[in-house]
Amino acid sequence: MTLKTRSQMVEETRAKLIAAARKAFASKGYAASSMDDLTAEAGLTRGALYHNFGDKKGLLQAVIDQIDAEMLARMRVVQEEAETPWLGLLAESVAYIEMALEPEIQRIMLLDGPAVLGDPAKWPNQTACLKRIEKTVQALVDDGTLKPVDARAATWLLNGAVLNTALWIAAADDPAGASPKAVEAFRWMASGLLAEG
């Protein structure tokens, strides 16, 4: 029989709380999910929640970080499968927009997350994503695929369009009807950056 180290026990506790919260936040929403229900579902105490996450808001941030990492991994796969860097940038942007149709992402990332944690563009995980996109945009400007625009400005405009489109879809009365319209409009808007010919 092997004894678990303290760090393994801490990680298991965190994982249990995140899994319970993710399930509750997706099904009931953040506001309707009580800390007592979350801890009972995980078989832990409120003290474990406070110790590991500070409060319910900290737990929401941990859930969002986990979902965001999964979304980024999915977007990277789509981007890497594209024939060109430009098509890869478009593909990952469209993938993000289309993820707004998934109930868990819709509820946690696009509705409750911004309501509780504020502007998603200012979440810590956005910084690395923006730097990566800016690097891609700069390379596309440098190789003549895109017009000679400022890469940072273009990155923020593209990112803002993608994020706000996903937020719009999540809040729409008919998300499934809004999504294809949003994707089409985004493609037209983004294609305006392409160099002539």
Protein backbone atom coordinates (compact mmCIF):
# COMPACT_ATOMS: atom_id res chain seq x y z
CA MET A 1 0.00 0.00 0.00
CA THR A 2 1.41 3.37 -0.98
CA LEU A 3 0.78 6.45 1.09
CA LYS A 4 -0.24 9.58 -0.74
CA THR A 5 1.91 12.64 -0.38
CA ARG A 6 0.41 15.85 0.90
CA SER A 7 0.59 17.40 -2.57
CA GLN A 8 -1.25 14.40 -4.05
CA MET A 9 -3.97 14.73 -1.42
CA VAL A 10 -4.29 18.47 -2.07
CA GLU A 11 -4.51 17.86 -5.81
CA GLU A 12 -7.18 15.18 -5.32
CA THR A 13 -9.20 17.51 -3.09
CA ARG A 14 -8.95 20.33 -5.64
CA ALA A 15 -9.92 17.99 -8.48
CA LYS A 16 -12.99 16.72 -6.56
CA LEU A 17 -14.16 20.25 -5.79
CA ILE A 18 -13.61 21.43 -9.37
CA ALA A 19 -15.49 18.41 -10.78
CA ALA A 20 -18.43 18.92 -8.39
CA ALA A 21 -18.53 22.66 -9.12
CA ARG A 22 -18.29 22.17 -12.86
CA LYS A 23 -21.24 19.78 -12.78
CA ALA A 24 -23.32 22.07 -10.55
CA PHE A 25 -22.46 25.30 -12.38
CA ALA A 26 -23.32 23.71 -15.74
CA SER A 27 -26.65 22.29 -14.59
CA LYS A 28 -27.92 24.86 -12.05
CA GLY A 29 -25.80 27.92 -12.75
CA TYR A 30 -23.36 29.66 -10.44
CA ALA A 31 -25.93 31.57 -8.35
CA ALA A 32 -28.10 28.52 -7.65
CA SER A 33 -25.17 26.28 -6.68
CA SER A 34 -24.69 26.32 -2.90
CA MET A 35 -21.31 25.75 -1.32
CA ASP A 36 -22.85 23.10 0.96
CA ASP A 37 -24.14 21.16 -2.06
CA LEU A 38 -20.77 21.45 -3.83
CA THR A 39 -18.81 20.18 -0.87
CA ALA A 40 -21.31 17.40 -0.13
CA GLU A 41 -21.13 16.25 -3.77
CA ALA A 42 -17.34 16.11 -3.48
CA GLY A 43 -17.51 14.42 -0.06
CA LEU A 44 -15.58 17.28 1.51
CA THR A 45 -16.11 20.14 3.95
CA ARG A 46 -16.62 23.85 3.36
CA GLY A 47 -13.23 24.30 4.97
CA ALA A 48 -11.65 22.37 2.09
CA LEU A 49 -13.29 24.73 -0.38
CA TYR A 50 -12.12 27.83 1.50
CA HIS A 51 -8.63 26.42 1.99
CA ASN A 52 -8.15 25.54 -1.70
CA PHE A 53 -10.03 28.32 -3.48
CA GLY A 54 -10.73 31.09 -0.95
CA ASP A 55 -14.42 31.20 -1.80
CA LYS A 56 -17.02 30.19 -4.37
CA LYS A 57 -15.76 32.84 -6.78
CA GLY A 58 -12.26 31.36 -6.59
CA LEU A 59 -13.74 27.95 -7.34
CA LEU A 60 -15.53 29.39 -10.38
CA GLN A 61 -12.20 30.80 -11.60
CA ALA A 62 -10.61 27.34 -11.25
CA VAL A 63 -13.47 25.75 -13.21
CA ILE A 64 -13.14 28.41 -15.92
CA ASP A 65 -9.37 27.87 -16.09
CA GLN A 66 -9.94 24.13 -16.61
CA ILE A 67 -12.60 24.60 -19.31
CA ASP A 68 -10.54 27.31 -20.99
CA ALA A 69 -7.51 25.00 -21.19
CA GLU A 70 -9.69 22.34 -22.83
CA MET A 71 -11.09 24.89 -25.29
CA LEU A 72 -7.60 26.11 -26.19
CA ALA A 73 -6.43 22.54 -26.79
CA ARG A 74 -9.39 21.95 -29.12
CA MET A 75 -8.73 25.23 -30.97
CA ARG A 76 -5.05 24.37 -31.37
CA VAL A 77 -5.94 21.05 -33.01
CA VAL A 78 -8.25 22.80 -35.49
CA GLN A 79 -5.62 25.43 -36.19
CA GLU A 80 -2.85 22.88 -36.75
CA GLU A 81 -5.00 20.85 -39.17
CA ALA A 82 -5.55 23.86 -41.45
CA GLU A 83 -3.69 24.11 -44.76
CA THR A 84 -2.26 27.57 -44.13
CA PRO A 85 -1.62 29.80 -41.09
CA TRP A 86 -4.40 32.16 -42.26
CA LEU A 87 -6.92 29.32 -42.56
CA GLY A 88 -5.71 28.09 -39.17
CA LEU A 89 -6.40 31.47 -37.59
CA LEU A 90 -9.86 31.51 -39.13
CA ALA A 91 -10.55 27.91 -38.10
CA GLU A 92 -9.65 28.45 -34.47
CA SER A 93 -11.72 31.64 -34.34
CA VAL A 94 -14.74 29.87 -35.82
CA ALA A 95 -14.23 26.93 -33.43
CA TYR A 96 -14.42 29.32 -30.48
CA ILE A 97 -17.59 30.92 -31.84
CA GLU A 98 -19.18 27.52 -32.38
CA MET A 99 -18.28 26.36 -28.86
CA ALA A 100 -20.80 28.95 -27.64
CA LEU A 101 -23.46 26.37 -28.56
CA GLU A 102 -22.18 23.85 -26.01
CA PRO A 103 -24.33 24.12 -22.85
CA GLU A 104 -21.46 23.88 -20.36
CA ILE A 105 -19.36 26.51 -22.14
CA GLN A 106 -22.39 28.69 -22.73
CA ARG A 107 -23.47 28.66 -19.09
CA ILE A 108 -20.13 28.75 -17.27
CA MET A 109 -17.73 30.57 -19.62
CA LEU A 110 -20.04 32.97 -21.43
CA LEU A 111 -22.91 33.74 -19.07
CA ASP A 112 -21.93 33.18 -15.42
CA GLY A 113 -18.18 33.78 -15.81
CA PRO A 114 -18.46 37.35 -17.11
CA ALA A 115 -21.31 38.14 -14.69
CA VAL A 116 -19.23 37.06 -11.68
CA LEU A 117 -15.60 37.62 -12.76
CA GLY A 118 -15.97 40.56 -15.14
CA ASP A 119 -14.72 41.14 -18.69
CA PRO A 120 -13.29 37.88 -20.12
CA ALA A 121 -10.74 39.87 -22.14
CA LYS A 122 -9.09 40.72 -18.80
CA TRP A 123 -8.98 37.16 -17.42
CA PRO A 124 -5.39 35.97 -16.83
CA ASN A 125 -5.62 33.18 -19.42
CA GLN A 126 -6.39 35.68 -22.19
CA THR A 127 -2.90 37.19 -22.12
CA ALA A 128 -1.13 34.10 -23.46
CA CYS A 129 -3.84 33.57 -26.07
CA LEU A 130 -3.57 37.15 -27.30
CA LYS A 131 0.24 36.94 -27.54
CA ARG A 132 -0.02 33.75 -29.60
CA ILE A 133 -2.60 35.27 -31.96
CA GLU A 134 -0.58 38.46 -32.30
CA LYS A 135 2.49 36.43 -33.29
CA THR A 136 0.43 34.64 -35.96
CA VAL A 137 -1.05 37.91 -37.24
CA GLN A 138 2.41 39.52 -37.39
CA ALA A 139 3.76 36.56 -39.38
CA LEU A 140 0.82 36.86 -41.79
CA VAL A 141 1.50 40.59 -42.22
CA ASP A 142 5.21 39.91 -42.73
CA ASP A 143 4.62 37.28 -45.41
CA GLY A 144 2.13 39.46 -47.28
CA THR A 145 -0.98 37.37 -46.54
CA LEU A 146 -2.51 40.28 -44.64
CA LYS A 147 -2.50 43.99 -45.38
CA PRO A 148 0.24 45.96 -43.57
CA VAL A 149 -1.86 46.52 -40.45
CA ASP A 150 -0.65 46.82 -36.88
CA ALA A 151 -0.61 43.24 -35.59
CA ARG A 152 -1.61 44.15 -32.04
CA ALA A 153 -4.58 46.25 -33.17
CA ALA A 154 -5.73 43.53 -35.58
CA THR A 155 -5.35 40.90 -32.84
CA TRP A 156 -7.49 42.83 -30.38
CA LEU A 157 -10.11 43.48 -33.05
CA LEU A 158 -10.27 39.83 -34.09
CA ASN A 159 -10.28 38.60 -30.50
CA GLY A 160 -12.96 41.11 -29.53
CA ALA A 161 -15.12 40.06 -32.45
CA VAL A 162 -14.78 36.37 -31.60
CA LEU A 163 -15.41 36.84 -27.88
CA ASN A 164 -18.35 39.22 -28.27
CA THR A 165 -19.87 37.01 -30.94
CA ALA A 166 -19.68 34.02 -28.60
CA LEU A 167 -21.25 36.09 -25.80
CA TRP A 168 -24.04 37.15 -28.18
CA ILE A 169 -24.73 33.55 -29.23
CA ALA A 170 -24.80 32.37 -25.60
CA ALA A 171 -27.35 35.03 -24.66
CA ALA A 172 -29.46 34.71 -27.83
CA ASP A 173 -33.03 33.42 -27.75
CA ASP A 174 -32.02 31.01 -30.52
CA PRO A 175 -28.28 30.26 -30.17
CA ALA A 176 -28.39 27.56 -32.89
CA GLY A 177 -29.89 30.06 -35.33
CA ALA A 178 -27.47 32.84 -34.36
CA SER A 179 -24.29 30.77 -34.69
CA PRO A 180 -24.15 30.27 -38.49
CA LYS A 181 -25.00 33.94 -39.05
CA ALA A 182 -22.21 34.95 -36.68
CA VAL A 183 -19.68 32.65 -38.34
CA GLU A 184 -20.54 33.99 -41.79
CA ALA A 185 -20.29 37.63 -40.64
CA PHE A 186 -16.99 36.94 -38.86
CA ARG A 187 -15.49 35.32 -41.97
CA TRP A 188 -16.47 38.35 -44.10
CA MET A 189 -15.10 40.78 -41.53
CA ALA A 190 -11.81 38.92 -41.04
CA SER A 191 -11.29 38.50 -44.79
CA GLY A 192 -11.11 42.30 -45.01
CA LEU A 193 -7.62 41.99 -43.55
CA LEU A 194 -6.38 39.91 -46.48
CA ALA A 195 -3.96 41.57 -48.87
CA GLU A 196 -5.23 42.06 -52.41
CA GLY A 197 -4.72 39.09 -54.71
